[in-house]
């Protein structure tokens, strides 16, 4: 995102309302926003898309995805430990693979 200089669209530091009434700036902003929406939609799994279908800007999509996937580290650690302790050996699977 930083390399493409579009991070400001994603993080909300460059908003459509900041473009004033200059039609060219508004057009450029909308094109950049549409480009990032395309990137996001093209890189997430189908079941995740249902969460962002109502979003109208890249920032809304990004904030929604952050809310879904960003976890407290202690919560994440607890879930991983729970998965580890609940693991069951499957005799049908080769341990060498």
N, C-alpha and C. Protein backbone atom coordinates (compact mmCIF):
# COMPACT_ATOMS: atom_id res chain seq x y z
N UNK A 1 0.82 -1.20 0.00
CA UNK A 1 0.00 0.00 0.00
C UNK A 1 0.86 1.26 0.00
N UNK A 2 1.91 1.25 0.82
CA UNK A 2 2.77 2.43 0.88
C UNK A 2 3.48 2.64 -0.45
N UNK A 3 3.90 1.55 -1.07
CA UNK A 3 4.62 1.64 -2.34
C UNK A 3 3.76 2.25 -3.43
N UNK A 4 2.50 2.00 -3.38
CA UNK A 4 1.59 2.54 -4.39
C UNK A 4 1.07 3.93 -4.02
N UNK A 5 1.50 4.44 -2.88
CA UNK A 5 1.11 5.77 -2.39
C UNK A 5 -0.41 5.93 -2.27
N UNK A 6 -1.07 4.87 -1.90
CA UNK A 6 -2.52 4.92 -1.77
C UNK A 6 -2.97 4.67 -0.34
N UNK A 7 -2.02 4.58 0.58
CA UNK A 7 -2.36 4.28 1.97
C UNK A 7 -3.32 5.31 2.55
N UNK A 8 -3.23 6.55 2.09
CA UNK A 8 -4.10 7.61 2.62
C UNK A 8 -5.58 7.35 2.33
N UNK A 9 -5.86 6.67 1.24
CA UNK A 9 -7.24 6.31 0.91
C UNK A 9 -7.72 5.23 1.89
N UNK A 10 -6.86 4.26 2.15
CA UNK A 10 -7.24 3.12 2.99
C UNK A 10 -7.39 3.52 4.45
N UNK A 11 -6.44 4.30 4.97
CA UNK A 11 -6.49 4.64 6.40
C UNK A 11 -7.39 5.83 6.71
N UNK A 12 -7.94 6.47 5.68
CA UNK A 12 -8.89 7.55 5.90
C UNK A 12 -8.28 8.92 6.09
N UNK A 13 -6.96 9.03 5.95
CA UNK A 13 -6.35 10.35 6.12
C UNK A 13 -6.58 11.24 4.89
N UNK A 14 -7.01 10.64 3.79
CA UNK A 14 -7.38 11.39 2.59
C UNK A 14 -8.82 11.03 2.24
N UNK A 15 -9.74 11.88 2.62
CA UNK A 15 -11.17 11.61 2.43
C UNK A 15 -11.72 12.33 1.21
N UNK A 16 -12.82 11.84 0.69
CA UNK A 16 -13.48 12.49 -0.43
C UNK A 16 -13.86 13.92 -0.07
N UNK A 17 -14.29 14.13 1.15
CA UNK A 17 -14.70 15.47 1.58
C UNK A 17 -13.52 16.45 1.59
N UNK A 18 -12.29 15.94 1.63
CA UNK A 18 -11.10 16.80 1.60
C UNK A 18 -10.80 17.33 0.20
N UNK A 19 -11.49 16.83 -0.81
CA UNK A 19 -11.18 17.18 -2.19
C UNK A 19 -11.84 18.49 -2.63
N UNK A 20 -12.69 19.05 -1.79
CA UNK A 20 -13.35 20.30 -2.14
C UNK A 20 -14.30 20.12 -3.31
N UNK A 21 -14.34 21.13 -4.17
CA UNK A 21 -15.25 21.08 -5.31
C UNK A 21 -14.51 20.86 -6.63
N UNK A 22 -13.23 20.61 -6.56
CA UNK A 22 -12.43 20.39 -7.76
C UNK A 22 -12.78 19.03 -8.37
N UNK A 23 -13.44 19.07 -9.51
CA UNK A 23 -13.93 17.84 -10.15
C UNK A 23 -12.80 16.87 -10.49
N UNK A 24 -11.65 17.39 -10.89
CA UNK A 24 -10.52 16.53 -11.24
C UNK A 24 -9.99 15.80 -10.01
N UNK A 25 -9.87 16.49 -8.88
CA UNK A 25 -9.43 15.85 -7.64
C UNK A 25 -10.43 14.81 -7.16
N UNK A 26 -11.71 15.12 -7.29
CA UNK A 26 -12.77 14.18 -6.89
C UNK A 26 -12.70 12.93 -7.76
N UNK A 27 -12.53 13.12 -9.07
CA UNK A 27 -12.43 11.99 -10.00
C UNK A 27 -11.22 11.11 -9.66
N UNK A 28 -10.06 11.74 -9.40
CA UNK A 28 -8.85 10.98 -9.06
C UNK A 28 -9.03 10.21 -7.75
N UNK A 29 -9.65 10.86 -6.76
CA UNK A 29 -9.87 10.20 -5.47
C UNK A 29 -10.77 8.98 -5.66
N UNK A 30 -11.86 9.15 -6.41
CA UNK A 30 -12.79 8.04 -6.64
C UNK A 30 -12.13 6.89 -7.39
N UNK A 31 -11.25 7.21 -8.34
CA UNK A 31 -10.53 6.17 -9.07
C UNK A 31 -9.59 5.41 -8.15
N UNK A 32 -8.87 6.12 -7.28
CA UNK A 32 -7.97 5.46 -6.34
C UNK A 32 -8.76 4.60 -5.35
N UNK A 33 -9.86 5.12 -4.87
CA UNK A 33 -10.70 4.37 -3.93
C UNK A 33 -11.24 3.11 -4.61
N UNK A 34 -11.71 3.23 -5.83
CA UNK A 34 -12.23 2.08 -6.57
C UNK A 34 -11.14 1.04 -6.80
N UNK A 35 -9.93 1.50 -7.06
CA UNK A 35 -8.81 0.58 -7.27
C UNK A 35 -8.54 -0.25 -6.02
N UNK A 36 -8.53 0.41 -4.86
CA UNK A 36 -8.29 -0.32 -3.62
C UNK A 36 -9.44 -1.23 -3.26
N UNK A 37 -10.67 -0.83 -3.53
CA UNK A 37 -11.81 -1.72 -3.30
C UNK A 37 -11.67 -2.97 -4.16
N UNK A 38 -11.25 -2.79 -5.39
CA UNK A 38 -11.02 -3.92 -6.30
C UNK A 38 -9.95 -4.86 -5.74
N UNK A 39 -8.85 -4.30 -5.25
CA UNK A 39 -7.77 -5.11 -4.66
C UNK A 39 -8.28 -5.90 -3.46
N UNK A 40 -9.02 -5.24 -2.59
CA UNK A 40 -9.51 -5.92 -1.38
C UNK A 40 -10.47 -7.05 -1.74
N UNK A 41 -11.45 -6.74 -2.57
CA UNK A 41 -12.45 -7.75 -2.95
C UNK A 41 -11.79 -8.92 -3.69
N UNK A 42 -10.76 -8.63 -4.47
CA UNK A 42 -10.09 -9.68 -5.22
C UNK A 42 -9.18 -10.57 -4.40
N UNK A 43 -8.89 -10.18 -3.18
CA UNK A 43 -7.93 -10.95 -2.38
C UNK A 43 -8.53 -11.60 -1.14
N UNK A 44 -9.81 -11.47 -0.94
CA UNK A 44 -10.41 -12.10 0.24
C UNK A 44 -11.30 -13.25 -0.19
N UNK A 45 -11.54 -14.15 0.74
CA UNK A 45 -12.36 -15.32 0.45
C UNK A 45 -13.83 -14.93 0.34
N UNK A 46 -14.57 -15.76 -0.36
CA UNK A 46 -15.98 -15.48 -0.65
C UNK A 46 -16.81 -15.24 0.61
N UNK A 47 -16.61 -16.06 1.64
CA UNK A 47 -17.43 -15.92 2.85
C UNK A 47 -17.13 -14.62 3.60
N UNK A 48 -15.97 -14.03 3.38
CA UNK A 48 -15.62 -12.77 4.03
C UNK A 48 -16.27 -11.59 3.31
N UNK A 49 -16.49 -11.74 2.03
CA UNK A 49 -17.08 -10.66 1.23
C UNK A 49 -18.45 -10.23 1.74
N UNK A 50 -19.16 -11.15 2.37
CA UNK A 50 -20.48 -10.80 2.89
C UNK A 50 -20.40 -9.72 3.96
N UNK A 51 -19.26 -9.62 4.63
CA UNK A 51 -19.10 -8.61 5.68
C UNK A 51 -18.87 -7.21 5.11
N UNK A 52 -18.36 -7.12 3.89
CA UNK A 52 -18.02 -5.80 3.34
C UNK A 52 -18.92 -5.38 2.19
N UNK A 53 -19.93 -6.17 1.89
CA UNK A 53 -20.78 -5.89 0.74
C UNK A 53 -21.49 -4.53 0.84
N UNK A 54 -21.76 -4.06 2.03
CA UNK A 54 -22.47 -2.78 2.19
C UNK A 54 -21.52 -1.59 2.32
N UNK A 55 -20.23 -1.83 2.36
CA UNK A 55 -19.26 -0.74 2.50
C UNK A 55 -19.20 0.07 1.21
N UNK A 56 -19.10 1.39 1.36
CA UNK A 56 -19.07 2.25 0.18
C UNK A 56 -17.69 2.82 -0.10
N UNK A 57 -16.76 2.71 0.84
CA UNK A 57 -15.40 3.20 0.62
C UNK A 57 -14.39 2.14 1.05
N UNK A 58 -13.18 2.33 0.58
CA UNK A 58 -12.09 1.43 0.97
C UNK A 58 -11.86 1.49 2.47
N UNK A 59 -11.92 2.68 3.04
CA UNK A 59 -11.72 2.82 4.48
C UNK A 59 -12.75 2.01 5.25
N UNK A 60 -14.00 2.05 4.83
CA UNK A 60 -15.04 1.25 5.50
C UNK A 60 -14.72 -0.24 5.40
N UNK A 61 -14.28 -0.68 4.22
CA UNK A 61 -13.91 -2.09 4.05
C UNK A 61 -12.76 -2.46 4.98
N UNK A 62 -11.74 -1.63 4.99
CA UNK A 62 -10.55 -1.88 5.80
C UNK A 62 -10.91 -1.91 7.29
N UNK A 63 -11.70 -0.96 7.73
CA UNK A 63 -12.10 -0.92 9.15
C UNK A 63 -12.93 -2.15 9.53
N UNK A 64 -13.81 -2.58 8.63
CA UNK A 64 -14.62 -3.77 8.89
C UNK A 64 -13.75 -5.01 8.99
N UNK A 65 -12.81 -5.16 8.07
CA UNK A 65 -11.91 -6.31 8.10
C UNK A 65 -11.01 -6.29 9.34
N UNK A 66 -10.55 -5.10 9.72
CA UNK A 66 -9.74 -4.99 10.94
C UNK A 66 -10.54 -5.42 12.15
N UNK A 67 -11.78 -5.00 12.21
CA UNK A 67 -12.63 -5.34 13.35
C UNK A 67 -12.85 -6.86 13.43
N UNK A 68 -12.97 -7.50 12.29
CA UNK A 68 -13.20 -8.95 12.25
C UNK A 68 -11.94 -9.71 12.66
N UNK A 69 -10.78 -9.32 12.13
CA UNK A 69 -9.58 -10.13 12.28
C UNK A 69 -8.59 -9.67 13.33
N UNK A 70 -8.68 -8.44 13.77
CA UNK A 70 -7.73 -7.96 14.76
C UNK A 70 -8.17 -8.43 16.14
N UNK A 71 -7.33 -9.23 16.75
CA UNK A 71 -7.66 -9.78 18.06
C UNK A 71 -6.67 -9.32 19.10
N UNK A 72 -7.13 -9.28 20.30
CA UNK A 72 -6.29 -9.04 21.45
C UNK A 72 -5.28 -10.19 21.53
N UNK A 73 -4.02 -9.90 21.78
CA UNK A 73 -2.99 -10.95 21.79
C UNK A 73 -3.24 -11.99 22.87
N UNK A 74 -3.75 -11.59 24.02
CA UNK A 74 -4.03 -12.57 25.06
C UNK A 74 -5.18 -13.48 24.65
N UNK A 75 -6.16 -12.92 23.96
CA UNK A 75 -7.28 -13.72 23.45
C UNK A 75 -6.77 -14.70 22.40
N UNK A 76 -5.91 -14.22 21.52
CA UNK A 76 -5.34 -15.08 20.48
C UNK A 76 -4.53 -16.22 21.10
N UNK A 77 -3.73 -15.90 22.10
CA UNK A 77 -2.91 -16.91 22.77
C UNK A 77 -3.81 -17.97 23.42
N UNK A 78 -4.86 -17.54 24.06
CA UNK A 78 -5.79 -18.47 24.71
C UNK A 78 -6.44 -19.40 23.69
N UNK A 79 -6.87 -18.85 22.56
CA UNK A 79 -7.49 -19.68 21.52
C UNK A 79 -6.51 -20.69 20.94
N UNK A 80 -5.26 -20.27 20.74
CA UNK A 80 -4.25 -21.18 20.22
C UNK A 80 -3.95 -22.30 21.21
N UNK A 81 -3.85 -21.96 22.48
CA UNK A 81 -3.63 -22.99 23.50
C UNK A 81 -4.81 -23.96 23.57
N UNK A 82 -6.00 -23.44 23.45
CA UNK A 82 -7.19 -24.28 23.46
C UNK A 82 -7.16 -25.25 22.28
N UNK A 83 -6.81 -24.75 21.10
CA UNK A 83 -6.69 -25.63 19.93
C UNK A 83 -5.63 -26.70 20.15
N UNK A 84 -4.50 -26.28 20.72
CA UNK A 84 -3.41 -27.22 20.97
C UNK A 84 -3.84 -28.33 21.92
N UNK A 85 -4.46 -27.98 23.02
CA UNK A 85 -4.86 -28.98 24.01
C UNK A 85 -6.02 -29.86 23.55
N UNK A 86 -6.79 -29.38 22.59
CA UNK A 86 -7.90 -30.16 22.05
C UNK A 86 -7.50 -31.02 20.86
N UNK A 87 -6.24 -30.93 20.45
CA UNK A 87 -5.77 -31.69 19.30
C UNK A 87 -5.84 -33.19 19.58
N UNK A 88 -6.33 -33.94 18.62
CA UNK A 88 -6.44 -35.40 18.74
C UNK A 88 -5.61 -36.05 17.63
N UNK A 89 -4.90 -37.09 17.99
CA UNK A 89 -4.12 -37.85 17.02
C UNK A 89 -5.05 -38.60 16.08
N UNK A 90 -4.78 -38.49 14.79
CA UNK A 90 -5.57 -39.17 13.76
C UNK A 90 -4.72 -40.29 13.18
N UNK A 91 -5.08 -41.54 13.47
CA UNK A 91 -4.30 -42.71 13.03
C UNK A 91 -4.27 -42.85 11.51
N UNK A 92 -5.22 -42.26 10.84
CA UNK A 92 -5.27 -42.39 9.37
C UNK A 92 -4.28 -41.47 8.67
N UNK A 93 -3.69 -40.53 9.39
CA UNK A 93 -2.75 -39.58 8.78
C UNK A 93 -1.32 -39.95 9.13
N UNK A 94 -0.47 -39.82 8.15
CA UNK A 94 0.95 -40.11 8.32
C UNK A 94 1.62 -38.96 9.07
N UNK A 95 2.34 -39.25 10.12
CA UNK A 95 3.01 -38.23 10.93
C UNK A 95 4.23 -37.64 10.22
N UNK A 96 4.75 -38.32 9.23
CA UNK A 96 5.95 -37.88 8.54
C UNK A 96 5.67 -36.78 7.52
N UNK A 97 4.45 -36.56 7.18
CA UNK A 97 4.11 -35.57 6.15
C UNK A 97 3.91 -34.22 6.76
